Every structure is written in C-alpha cells, then in structure tokens.
Amino acid sequence: QKLFSCHVCSNSFSTKGSLKVHMRLHTGAKPFKCPHCDLRFRTSGRRKTHIQWERPFQCTVCEKAFNQKSALQVHMKKHTGERPYKCDYCAMGFTQKSNMKLH
C-alpha cells in the first residue's frame, strides 16, 4: 500500500522516508558530503559506496592509492623502511603490530 505521493510527479511511496529521498531528485538536494572530497550525494548509502570504492589517499612515492588514511600510513613504512614493532626474542622488525604477533 502506497500512502505517500509526490506532489511534483505523482509517484507514490510506502514510507515517508522514501518520499523524502525521492523529493531530492526534484530539488537537487544532496545532503551527504564525502569526508574525503567535495562530492555530495542524495543518500547516505550512495555516499558509503563512494567512500568504499574511492581511494583519496595517494602515496607520494609510488602513487598507490588507499581508501583509508591509516592504510596509507602503513604503506608508507615500506618506503621509509620503518619497522617500529620488534620481536622480543629475535629483534626482527615489523611495520604492523599484528604481523609481529603472528611471527
């Protein structure tokens, strides 16, 4: 049962929220901004998909790109040679604590 009708195009929706999202097509409203770039989206779901697939954090050495700043920071250790996590038994160094624990 569709109870909510668009006053612009007469499409009907079963929830008020669906109508609200639909109305953004007519108004052009894009209230959801990507925290990494200037793109805006009509729905939070589209923003989430964009963030998952976009890779705004780019390595300045090899140009590899990442979708999270923390992933770029881990990657940069490959270029700098930094291995801050040392094994207590053999002094072998690792870029990530989780890798040291697996060792």
PDB file of N, CA and C in Angstrom:
ATOM      1  N   GLN A   1       0.846  -1.176   0.000  1.00  0.00           N
ATOM      2  CA  GLN A   1       0.000   0.000   0.000  1.00  0.00           C
ATOM      3  C   GLN A   1       0.893   1.241   0.000  1.00  0.00           C
ATOM      4  N   LYS A   2       0.659   2.129  -0.951  1.00  0.00           N
ATOM      5  CA  LYS A   2       1.469   3.333  -1.081  1.00  0.00           C
ATOM      6  C   LYS A   2       0.661   4.536  -0.620  1.00  0.00           C
ATOM      7  N   LEU A   3       1.116   5.126   0.466  1.00  0.00           N
ATOM      8  CA  LEU A   3       0.353   6.188   1.112  1.00  0.00           C
ATOM      9  C   LEU A   3       0.906   7.590   0.875  1.00  0.00           C
ATOM     10  N   PHE A   4       2.152   7.679   0.448  1.00  0.00           N
ATOM     11  CA  PHE A   4       2.795   8.983   0.333  1.00  0.00           C
ATOM     12  C   PHE A   4       3.037   9.311  -1.139  1.00  0.00           C
ATOM     13  N   SER A   5       2.421  10.386  -1.620  1.00  0.00           N
ATOM     14  CA  SER A   5       2.513  10.764  -3.029  1.00  0.00           C
ATOM     15  C   SER A   5       3.353  12.014  -3.216  1.00  0.00           C
ATOM     16  N   CYS A   6       4.126  12.008  -4.291  1.00  0.00           N
ATOM     17  CA  CYS A   6       4.931  13.170  -4.666  1.00  0.00           C
ATOM     18  C   CYS A   6       4.009  14.195  -5.322  1.00  0.00           C
ATOM     19  N   HIS A   7       4.054  15.427  -4.849  1.00  0.00           N
ATOM     20  CA  HIS A   7       3.200  16.481  -5.411  1.00  0.00           C
ATOM     21  C   HIS A   7       3.733  17.022  -6.741  1.00  0.00           C
ATOM     22  N   VAL A   8       4.955  16.621  -7.112  1.00  0.00           N
ATOM     23  CA  VAL A   8       5.542  17.094  -8.366  1.00  0.00           C
ATOM     24  C   VAL A   8       5.229  16.138  -9.517  1.00  0.00           C
ATOM     25  N   CYS A   9       5.460  14.833  -9.307  1.00  0.00           N
ATOM     26  CA  CYS A   9       5.298  13.871 -10.397  1.00  0.00           C
ATOM     27  C   CYS A   9       4.252  12.791 -10.120  1.00  0.00           C
ATOM     28  N   SER A  10       3.639  12.825  -8.965  1.00  0.00           N
ATOM     29  CA  SER A  10       2.581  11.883  -8.568  1.00  0.00           C
ATOM     30  C   SER A  10       3.047  10.454  -8.294  1.00  0.00           C
ATOM     31  N   ASN A  11       4.342  10.198  -8.241  1.00  0.00           N
ATOM     32  CA  ASN A  11       4.817   8.875  -7.815  1.00  0.00           C
ATOM     33  C   ASN A  11       4.392   8.654  -6.375  1.00  0.00           C
ATOM     34  N   SER A  12       4.125   7.398  -6.028  1.00  0.00           N
ATOM     35  CA  SER A  12       3.688   7.074  -4.671  1.00  0.00           C
ATOM     36  C   SER A  12       4.699   6.181  -3.969  1.00  0.00           C
ATOM     37  N   PHE A  13       4.773   6.339  -2.653  1.00  0.00           N
ATOM     38  CA  PHE A  13       5.745   5.605  -1.846  1.00  0.00           C
ATOM     39  C   PHE A  13       5.086   5.070  -0.588  1.00  0.00           C
ATOM     40  N   SER A  14       5.621   3.953  -0.100  1.00  0.00           N
ATOM     41  CA  SER A  14       5.026   3.310   1.074  1.00  0.00           C
ATOM     42  C   SER A  14       5.498   3.921   2.383  1.00  0.00           C
ATOM     43  N   THR A  15       6.596   4.673   2.334  1.00  0.00           N
ATOM     44  CA  THR A  15       7.080   5.310   3.562  1.00  0.00           C
ATOM     45  C   THR A  15       7.365   6.784   3.319  1.00  0.00           C
ATOM     46  N   LYS A  16       7.265   7.547   4.379  1.00  0.00           N
ATOM     47  CA  LYS A  16       7.563   8.978   4.306  1.00  0.00           C
ATOM     48  C   LYS A  16       9.039   9.198   3.960  1.00  0.00           C
ATOM     49  N   GLY A  17       9.905   8.324   4.487  1.00  0.00           N
ATOM     50  CA  GLY A  17      11.335   8.433   4.206  1.00  0.00           C
ATOM     51  C   GLY A  17      11.652   8.233   2.734  1.00  0.00           C
ATOM     52  N   SER A  18      10.970   7.284   2.107  1.00  0.00           N
ATOM     53  CA  SER A  18      11.177   7.047   0.672  1.00  0.00           C
ATOM     54  C   SER A  18      10.755   8.260  -0.143  1.00  0.00           C
ATOM     55  N   LEU A  19       9.653   8.870   0.245  1.00  0.00           N
ATOM     56  CA  LEU A  19       9.202  10.087  -0.434  1.00  0.00           C
ATOM     57  C   LEU A  19      10.223  11.202  -0.242  1.00  0.00           C
ATOM     58  N   LYS A  20      10.757  11.314   0.963  1.00  0.00           N
ATOM     59  CA  LYS A  20      11.744  12.363   1.259  1.00  0.00           C
ATOM     60  C   LYS A  20      12.980  12.208   0.368  1.00  0.00           C
ATOM     61  N   VAL A  21      13.471  10.974   0.230  1.00  0.00           N
ATOM     62  CA  VAL A  21      14.628  10.723  -0.640  1.00  0.00           C
ATOM     63  C   VAL A  21      14.257  11.033  -2.085  1.00  0.00           C
ATOM     64  N   HIS A  22      13.073  10.607  -2.522  1.00  0.00           N
ATOM     65  CA  HIS A  22      12.610  10.873  -3.882  1.00  0.00           C
ATOM     66  C   HIS A  22      12.564  12.369  -4.172  1.00  0.00           C
ATOM     67  N   MET A  23      12.091  13.152  -3.231  1.00  0.00           N
ATOM     68  CA  MET A  23      11.962  14.597  -3.435  1.00  0.00           C
ATOM     69  C   MET A  23      13.299  15.256  -3.738  1.00  0.00           C
ATOM     70  N   ARG A  24      14.379  14.641  -3.283  1.00  0.00           N
ATOM     71  CA  ARG A  24      15.707  15.197  -3.575  1.00  0.00           C
ATOM     72  C   ARG A  24      16.005  15.180  -5.068  1.00  0.00           C
ATOM     73  N   LEU A  25      15.360  14.276  -5.821  1.00  0.00           N
ATOM     74  CA  LEU A  25      15.516  14.273  -7.279  1.00  0.00           C
ATOM     75  C   LEU A  25      14.973  15.568  -7.867  1.00  0.00           C
ATOM     76  N   HIS A  26      13.876  16.041  -7.324  1.00  0.00           N
ATOM     77  CA  HIS A  26      13.248  17.264  -7.823  1.00  0.00           C
ATOM     78  C   HIS A  26      13.959  18.520  -7.323  1.00  0.00           C
ATOM     79  N   THR A  27      14.417  18.485  -6.085  1.00  0.00           N
ATOM     80  CA  THR A  27      15.044  19.683  -5.510  1.00  0.00           C
ATOM     81  C   THR A  27      16.535  19.771  -5.818  1.00  0.00           C
ATOM     82  N   GLY A  28      17.141  18.621  -6.145  1.00  0.00           N
ATOM     83  CA  GLY A  28      18.585  18.598  -6.378  1.00  0.00           C
ATOM     84  C   GLY A  28      19.391  18.543  -5.093  1.00  0.00           C
ATOM     85  N   ALA A  29      18.723  18.379  -3.971  1.00  0.00           N
ATOM     86  CA  ALA A  29      19.417  18.351  -2.674  1.00  0.00           C
ATOM     87  C   ALA A  29      20.314  17.124  -2.567  1.00  0.00           C
ATOM     88  N   LYS A  30      21.522  17.361  -2.115  1.00  0.00           N
ATOM     89  CA  LYS A  30      22.490  16.287  -1.873  1.00  0.00           C
ATOM     90  C   LYS A  30      23.119  16.541  -0.503  1.00  0.00           C
ATOM     91  N   PRO A  31      22.434  16.134   0.556  1.00  0.00           N
ATOM     92  CA  PRO A  31      22.867  16.490   1.909  1.00  0.00           C
ATOM     93  C   PRO A  31      24.041  15.685   2.468  1.00  0.00           C
ATOM     94  N   PHE A  32      24.461  14.631   1.770  1.00  0.00           N
ATOM     95  CA  PHE A  32      25.512  13.772   2.313  1.00  0.00           C
ATOM     96  C   PHE A  32      26.833  14.025   1.594  1.00  0.00           C
ATOM     97  N   LYS A  33      27.782  14.653   2.312  1.00  0.00           N
ATOM     98  CA  LYS A  33      29.076  15.016   1.731  1.00  0.00           C
ATOM     99  C   LYS A  33      30.127  13.970   2.060  1.00  0.00           C
ATOM    100  N   CYS A  34      30.945  13.655   1.067  1.00  0.00           N
ATOM    101  CA  CYS A  34      32.081  12.761   1.289  1.00  0.00           C
ATOM    102  C   CYS A  34      33.082  13.478   2.192  1.00  0.00           C
ATOM    103  N   PRO A  35      33.584  12.810   3.234  1.00  0.00           N
ATOM    104  CA  PRO A  35      34.561  13.460   4.115  1.00  0.00           C
ATOM    105  C   PRO A  35      35.950  13.589   3.494  1.00  0.00           C
ATOM    106  N   HIS A  36      36.154  12.972   2.320  1.00  0.00           N
ATOM    107  CA  HIS A  36      37.478  12.965   1.701  1.00  0.00           C
ATOM    108  C   HIS A  36      37.578  13.842   0.456  1.00  0.00           C
ATOM    109  N   CYS A  37      36.435  14.193  -0.128  1.00  0.00           N
ATOM    110  CA  CYS A  37      36.462  15.028  -1.332  1.00  0.00           C
ATOM    111  C   CYS A  37      35.217  15.924  -1.320  1.00  0.00           C
ATOM    112  N   ASP A  38      34.999  16.657  -2.379  1.00  0.00           N
ATOM    113  CA  ASP A  38      33.886  17.608  -2.421  1.00  0.00           C
ATOM    114  C   ASP A  38      32.578  17.022  -2.952  1.00  0.00           C
ATOM    115  N   LEU A  39      32.549  15.737  -3.282  1.00  0.00           N
ATOM    116  CA  LEU A  39      31.326  15.154  -3.820  1.00  0.00           C
ATOM    117  C   LEU A  39      30.226  15.077  -2.766  1.00  0.00           C
ATOM    118  N   ARG A  40      28.990  15.239  -3.240  1.00  0.00           N
ATOM    119  CA  ARG A  40      27.817  15.171  -2.366  1.00  0.00           C
ATOM    120  C   ARG A  40      26.846  14.152  -2.956  1.00  0.00           C
ATOM    121  N   PHE A  41      26.002  13.582  -2.094  1.00  0.00           N
ATOM    122  CA  PHE A  41      25.112  12.501  -2.507  1.00  0.00           C
ATOM    123  C   PHE A  41      23.707  12.695  -1.954  1.00  0.00           C
ATOM    124  N   ARG A  42      22.720  12.142  -2.675  1.00  0.00           N
ATOM    125  CA  ARG A  42      21.328  12.240  -2.240  1.00  0.00           C
ATOM    126  C   ARG A  42      21.028  11.318  -1.069  1.00  0.00           C
ATOM    127  N   THR A  43      21.757  10.191  -0.978  1.00  0.00           N
ATOM    128  CA  THR A  43      21.504   9.233   0.104  1.00  0.00           C
ATOM    129  C   THR A  43      22.805   8.882   0.816  1.00  0.00           C
ATOM    130  N   SER A  44      22.688   8.498   2.066  1.00  0.00           N
ATOM    131  CA  SER A  44      23.878   8.095   2.821  1.00  0.00           C
ATOM    132  C   SER A  44      24.452   6.803   2.253  1.00  0.00           C
ATOM    133  N   GLY A  45      23.593   5.945   1.702  1.00  0.00           N
ATOM    134  CA  GLY A  45      24.061   4.695   1.102  1.00  0.00           C
ATOM    135  C   GLY A  45      24.961   4.922  -0.093  1.00  0.00           C
ATOM    136  N   ARG A  46      24.610   5.897  -0.923  1.00  0.00           N
ATOM    137  CA  ARG A  46      25.464   6.198  -2.085  1.00  0.00           C
ATOM    138  C   ARG A  46      26.793   6.796  -1.639  1.00  0.00           C
ATOM    139  N   ARG A  47      26.744   7.610  -0.589  1.00  0.00           N
ATOM    140  CA  ARG A  47      27.996   8.158  -0.048  1.00  0.00           C
ATOM    141  C   ARG A  47      28.874   7.023   0.476  1.00  0.00           C
ATOM    142  N   LYS A  48      28.279   6.090   1.190  1.00  0.00           N
ATOM    143  CA  LYS A  48      29.033   4.964   1.748  1.00  0.00           C
ATOM    144  C   LYS A  48      29.692   4.145   0.637  1.00  0.00           C
ATOM    145  N   THR A  49      28.948   3.872  -0.421  1.00  0.00           N
ATOM    146  CA  THR A  49      29.504   3.133  -1.560  1.00  0.00           C
ATOM    147  C   THR A  49      30.666   3.899  -2.175  1.00  0.00           C
ATOM    148  N   HIS A  50      30.504   5.191  -2.343  1.00  0.00           N
ATOM    149  CA  HIS A  50      31.566   6.038  -2.895  1.00  0.00           C
ATOM    150  C   HIS A  50      32.826   5.949  -2.043  1.00  0.00           C
ATOM    151  N   ILE A  51      32.669   6.056  -0.735  1.00  0.00           N
ATOM    152  CA  ILE A  51      33.818   6.024   0.172  1.00  0.00           C
ATOM    153  C   ILE A  51      34.515   4.674   0.101  1.00  0.00           C
ATOM    154  N   GLN A  52      33.744   3.598  -0.005  1.00  0.00           N
ATOM    155  CA  GLN A  52      34.335   2.266  -0.062  1.00  0.00           C
ATOM    156  C   GLN A  52      35.150   2.060  -1.330  1.00  0.00           C
ATOM    157  N   TRP A  53      34.707   2.641  -2.438  1.00  0.00           N
ATOM    158  CA  TRP A  53      35.376   2.404  -3.710  1.00  0.00           C
ATOM    159  C   TRP A  53      36.370   3.490  -4.090  1.00  0.00           C
ATOM    160  N   GLU A  54      36.181   4.668  -3.585  1.00  0.00           N
ATOM    161  CA  GLU A  54      37.117   5.741  -3.881  1.00  0.00           C
ATOM    162  C   GLU A  54      38.377   5.557  -3.046  1.00  0.00           C
ATOM    163  N   ARG A  55      39.482   6.019  -3.565  1.00  0.00           N
ATOM    164  CA  ARG A  55      40.758   5.894  -2.867  1.00  0.00           C
ATOM    165  C   ARG A  55      41.466   7.258  -2.877  1.00  0.00           C
ATOM    166  N   PRO A  56      41.037   8.138  -1.978  1.00  0.00           N
ATOM    167  CA  PRO A  56      41.556   9.505  -1.995  1.00  0.00           C
ATOM    168  C   PRO A  56      42.945   9.677  -1.381  1.00  0.00           C
ATOM    169  N   PHE A  57      43.469   8.658  -0.713  1.00  0.00           N
ATOM    170  CA  PHE A  57      44.761   8.790  -0.040  1.00  0.00           C
ATOM    171  C   PHE A  57      45.845   8.157  -0.906  1.00  0.00           C
ATOM    172  N   GLN A  58      46.647   9.008  -1.550  1.00  0.00           N
ATOM    173  CA  GLN A  58      47.620   8.528  -2.525  1.00  0.00           C
ATOM    174  C   GLN A  58      49.040   8.660  -2.012  1.00  0.00           C
ATOM    175  N   CYS A  59      49.822   7.604  -2.254  1.00  0.00           N
ATOM    176  CA  CYS A  59      51.233   7.595  -1.884  1.00  0.00           C
ATOM    177  C   CYS A  59      51.987   8.566  -2.789  1.00  0.00           C
ATOM    178  N   THR A  60      52.804   9.406  -2.197  1.00  0.00           N
ATOM    179  CA  THR A  60      53.566  10.387  -2.970  1.00  0.00           C
ATOM    180  C   THR A  60      54.808   9.770  -3.606  1.00  0.00           C
ATOM    181  N   VAL A  61      55.145   8.547  -3.217  1.00  0.00           N
ATOM    182  CA  VAL A  61      56.330   7.879  -3.767  1.00  0.00           C
ATOM    183  C   VAL A  61      55.969   7.030  -4.983  1.00  0.00           C
ATOM    184  N   CYS A  62      54.993   6.140  -4.836  1.00  0.00           N
ATOM    185  CA  CYS A  62      54.663   5.213  -5.923  1.00  0.00           C
ATOM    186  C   CYS A  62      53.267   5.424  -6.505  1.00  0.00           C
ATOM    187  N   GLU A  63      52.510   6.366  -5.970  1.00  0.00           N
ATOM    188  CA  GLU A  63      51.174   6.730  -6.436  1.00  0.00           C
ATOM    189  C   GLU A  63      50.097   5.675  -6.175  1.00  0.00           C
ATOM    190  N   LYS A  64      50.406   4.641  -5.387  1.00  0.00           N
ATOM    191  CA  LYS A  64      49.369   3.691  -4.996  1.00  0.00           C
ATOM    192  C   LYS A  64      48.367   4.444  -4.126  1.00  0.00           C
ATOM    193  N   ALA A  65      47.079   4.115  -4.272  1.00  0.00           N
ATOM    194  CA  ALA A  65      46.048   4.853  -3.547  1.00  0.00           C
ATOM    195  C   ALA A  65      45.273   3.935  -2.602  1.00  0.00           C
ATOM    196  N   PHE A  66      44.764   4.542  -1.530  1.00  0.00           N
ATOM    197  CA  PHE A  66      44.068   3.808  -0.475  1.00  0.00           C
ATOM    198  C   PHE A  66      42.779   4.522  -0.105  1.00  0.00           C
ATOM    199  N   ASN A  67      41.827   3.748   0.441  1.00  0.00           N
ATOM    200  CA  ASN A  67      40.567   4.367   0.841  1.00  0.00           C
ATOM    201  C   ASN A  67      40.577   4.816   2.296  1.00  0.00           C
ATOM    202  N   GLN A  68      41.641   4.498   3.025  1.00  0.00           N
ATOM    203  CA  GLN A  68      41.762   4.943   4.413  1.00  0.00           C
ATOM    204  C   GLN A  68      43.151   5.536   4.648  1.00  0.00           C
ATOM    205  N   LYS A  69      43.186   6.599   5.423  1.00  0.00           N
ATOM    206  CA  LYS A  69      44.446   7.259   5.739  1.00  0.00           C
ATOM    207  C   LYS A  69      45.383   6.313   6.481  1.00  0.00           C
ATOM    208  N   SER A  70      44.832   5.497   7.374  1.00  0.00           N
ATOM    209  CA  SER A  70      45.661   4.566   8.145  1.00  0.00           C
ATOM    210  C   SER A  70      46.336   3.539   7.240  1.00  0.00           C
ATOM    211  N   ALA A  71      45.666   3.117   6.180  1.00  0.00           N
ATOM    212  CA  ALA A  71      46.259   2.164   5.238  1.00  0.00           C
ATOM    213  C   ALA A  71      47.427   2.806   4.498  1.00  0.00           C
ATOM    214  N   LEU A  72      47.297   4.073   4.149  1.00  0.00           N
ATOM    215  CA  LEU A  72      48.408   4.785   3.514  1.00  0.00           C
ATOM    216  C   LEU A  72      49.583   4.900   4.478  1.00  0.00           C
ATOM    217  N   GLN A  73      49.310   5.174   5.739  1.00  0.00           N
ATOM    218  CA  GLN A  73      50.384   5.304   6.727  1.00  0.00           C
ATOM    219  C   GLN A  73      51.154   3.997   6.881  1.00  0.00           C
ATOM    220  N   VAL A  74      50.450   2.874   6.902  1.00  0.00           N
ATOM    221  CA  VAL A  74      51.119   1.569   6.968  1.00  0.00           C
ATOM    222  C   VAL A  74      51.948   1.359   5.707  1.00  0.00           C
ATOM    223  N   HIS A  75      51.384   1.678   4.556  1.00  0.00           N
ATOM    224  CA  HIS A  75      52.078   1.519   3.278  1.00  0.00           C
ATOM    225  C   HIS A  75      53.363   2.340   3.230  1.00  0.00           C
ATOM    226  N   MET A  76      53.317   3.555   3.726  1.00  0.00           N
ATOM    227  CA  MET A  76      54.485   4.440   3.675  1.00  0.00           C
ATOM    228  C   MET A  76      55.693   3.848   4.389  1.00  0.00           C
ATOM    229  N   LYS A  77      55.464   2.985   5.360  1.00  0.00           N
ATOM    230  CA  LYS A  77      56.575   2.356   6.081  1.00  0.00           C
ATOM    231  C   LYS A  77      57.403   1.470   5.156  1.00  0.00           C
ATOM    232  N   LYS A  78      56.811   0.994   4.066  1.00  0.00           N
ATOM    233  CA  LYS A  78      57.563   0.206   3.085  1.00  0.00           C
ATOM    234  C   LYS A  78      58.625   1.069   2.420  1.00  0.00           C
ATOM    235  N   HIS A  79      58.284   2.325   2.186  1.00  0.00           N
ATOM    236  CA  HIS A  79      59.227   3.226   1.525  1.00  0.00           C
ATOM    237  C   HIS A  79      60.280   3.768   2.490  1.00  0.00           C
ATOM    238  N   THR A  80      59.883   4.000   3.718  1.00  0.00           N
ATOM    239  CA  THR A  80      60.815   4.583   4.689  1.00  0.00           C
ATOM    240  C   THR A  80      61.684   3.529   5.353  1.00  0.00           C
ATOM    241  N   GLY A  81      61.242   2.267   5.280  1.00  0.00           N
ATOM    242  CA  GLY A  81      61.981   1.200   5.949  1.00  0.00           C
ATOM    243  C   GLY A  81      61.681   1.122   7.437  1.00  0.00           C
ATOM    244  N   GLU A  82      60.760   1.952   7.896  1.00  0.00           N
ATOM    245  CA  GLU A  82      60.415   1.969   9.319  1.00  0.00           C
ATOM    246  C   GLU A  82      59.765   0.652   9.725  1.00  0.00           C
ATOM    247  N   ARG A  83      60.268   0.063  10.794  1.00  0.00           N
ATOM    248  CA  ARG A  83      59.722  -1.182  11.348  1.00  0.00           C
ATOM    249  C   ARG A  83      59.683  -1.025  12.863  1.00  0.00           C
ATOM    250  N   PRO A  84      58.676  -0.309  13.359  1.00  0.00           N
ATOM    251  CA  PRO A  84      58.649   0.055  14.778  1.00  0.00           C
ATOM    252  C   PRO A  84      58.310  -1.088  15.739  1.00  0.00           C
ATOM    253  N   TYR A  85      57.805  -2.186  15.230  1.00  0.00           N
ATOM    254  CA  TYR A  85      57.412  -3.292  16.118  1.00  0.00           C
ATOM    255  C   TYR A  85      58.473  -4.388  16.066  1.00  0.00           C
ATOM    256  N   LYS A  86      59.190  -4.559  17.179  1.00  0.00           N
ATOM    257  CA  LYS A  86      60.310  -5.511  17.249  1.00  0.00           C
ATOM    258  C   LYS A  86      59.934  -6.742  18.064  1.00  0.00           C
ATOM    259  N   CYS A  87      60.332  -7.898  17.564  1.00  0.00           N
ATOM    260  CA  CYS A  87      60.135  -9.154  18.280  1.00  0.00           C
ATOM    261  C   CYS A  87      61.065  -9.177  19.495  1.00  0.00           C
ATOM    262  N   ASP A  88      60.524  -9.527  20.651  1.00  0.00           N
ATOM    263  CA  ASP A  88      61.318  -9.585  21.887  1.00  0.00           C
ATOM    264  C   ASP A  88      62.333 -10.720  21.874  1.00  0.00           C
ATOM    265  N   TYR A  89      62.153 -11.693  21.013  1.00  0.00           N
ATOM    266  CA  TYR A  89      63.022 -12.871  21.012  1.00  0.00           C
ATOM    267  C   TYR A  89      64.133 -12.803  19.967  1.00  0.00           C
ATOM    268  N   CYS A  90      63.822 -12.244  18.789  1.00  0.00           N
ATOM    269  CA  CYS A  90      64.853 -12.229  17.741  1.00  0.00           C
ATOM    270  C   CYS A  90      65.140 -10.836  17.195  1.00  0.00           C
ATOM    271  N   ALA A  91      64.445  -9.824  17.673  1.00  0.00           N
ATOM    272  CA  ALA A  91      64.627  -8.428  17.264  1.00  0.00           C
ATOM    273  C   ALA A  91      64.227  -8.153  15.817  1.00  0.00           C
ATOM    274  N   MET A  92      63.540  -9.095  15.187  1.00  0.00           N
ATOM    275  CA  MET A  92      63.053  -8.847  13.834  1.00  0.00           C
ATOM    276  C   MET A  92      62.017  -7.725  13.889  1.00  0.00           C
ATOM    277  N   GLY A  93      62.055  -6.814  12.903  1.00  0.00           N
ATOM    278  CA  GLY A  93      61.157  -5.667  12.891  1.00  0.00           C
ATOM    279  C   GLY A  93      59.975  -5.853  11.961  1.00  0.00           C
ATOM    280  N   PHE A  94      58.862  -5.215  12.314  1.00  0.00           N
ATOM    281  CA  PHE A  94      57.634  -5.310  11.530  1.00  0.00           C
ATOM    282  C   PHE A  94      56.986  -3.934  11.402  1.00  0.00           C
ATOM    283  N   THR A  95      56.269  -3.746  10.308  1.00  0.00           N
ATOM    284  CA  THR A  95      55.570  -2.475  10.096  1.00  0.00           C
ATOM    285  C   THR A  95      54.255  -2.426  10.863  1.00  0.00           C
ATOM    286  N   GLN A  96      53.699  -3.599  11.184  1.00  0.00           N
ATOM    287  CA  GLN A  96      52.426  -3.656  11.902  1.00  0.00           C
ATOM    288  C   GLN A  96      52.539  -4.578  13.115  1.00  0.00           C
ATOM    289  N   LYS A  97      51.915  -4.173  14.195  1.00  0.00           N
ATOM    290  CA  LYS A  97      51.931  -4.961  15.426  1.00  0.00           C
ATOM    291  C   LYS A  97      51.299  -6.336  15.211  1.00  0.00           C
ATOM    292  N   SER A  98      50.248  -6.396  14.416  1.00  0.00           N
ATOM    293  CA  SER A  98      49.565  -7.672  14.166  1.00  0.00           C
ATOM    294  C   SER A  98      50.489  -8.672  13.477  1.00  0.00           C
ATOM    295  N   ASN A  99      51.332  -8.197  12.570  1.00  0.00           N
ATOM    296  CA  ASN A  99      52.284  -9.092  11.900  1.00  0.00           C
ATOM    297  C   ASN A  99      53.340  -9.597  12.870  1.00  0.00           C
ATOM    298  N   MET A 100      53.767  -8.731  13.793  1.00  0.00           N
ATOM    299  CA  MET A 100      54.740  -9.156  14.795  1.00  0.00           C
ATOM    300  C   MET A 100      54.139 -10.256  15.669  1.00  0.00           C
ATOM    301  N   LYS A 101      52.887 -10.084  16.060  1.00  0.00           N
ATOM    302  CA  LYS A 101      52.242 -11.089  16.911  1.00  0.00           C
ATOM    303  C   LYS A 101      52.104 -12.425  16.185  1.00  0.00           C
ATOM    304  N   LEU A 102      51.823 -12.390  14.893  1.00  0.00           N
ATOM    305  CA  LEU A 102      51.732 -13.627  14.115  1.00  0.00           C
ATOM    306  C   LEU A 102      53.086 -14.324  14.035  1.00  0.00           C
ATOM    307  N   HIS A 103      54.146 -13.534  13.987  1.00  0.00           N
ATOM    308  CA  HIS A 103      55.508 -14.058  13.920  1.00  0.00           C
ATOM    309  C   HIS A 103      55.809 -14.828  15.195  1.00  0.00           C
TER     310      HIS A 103
END
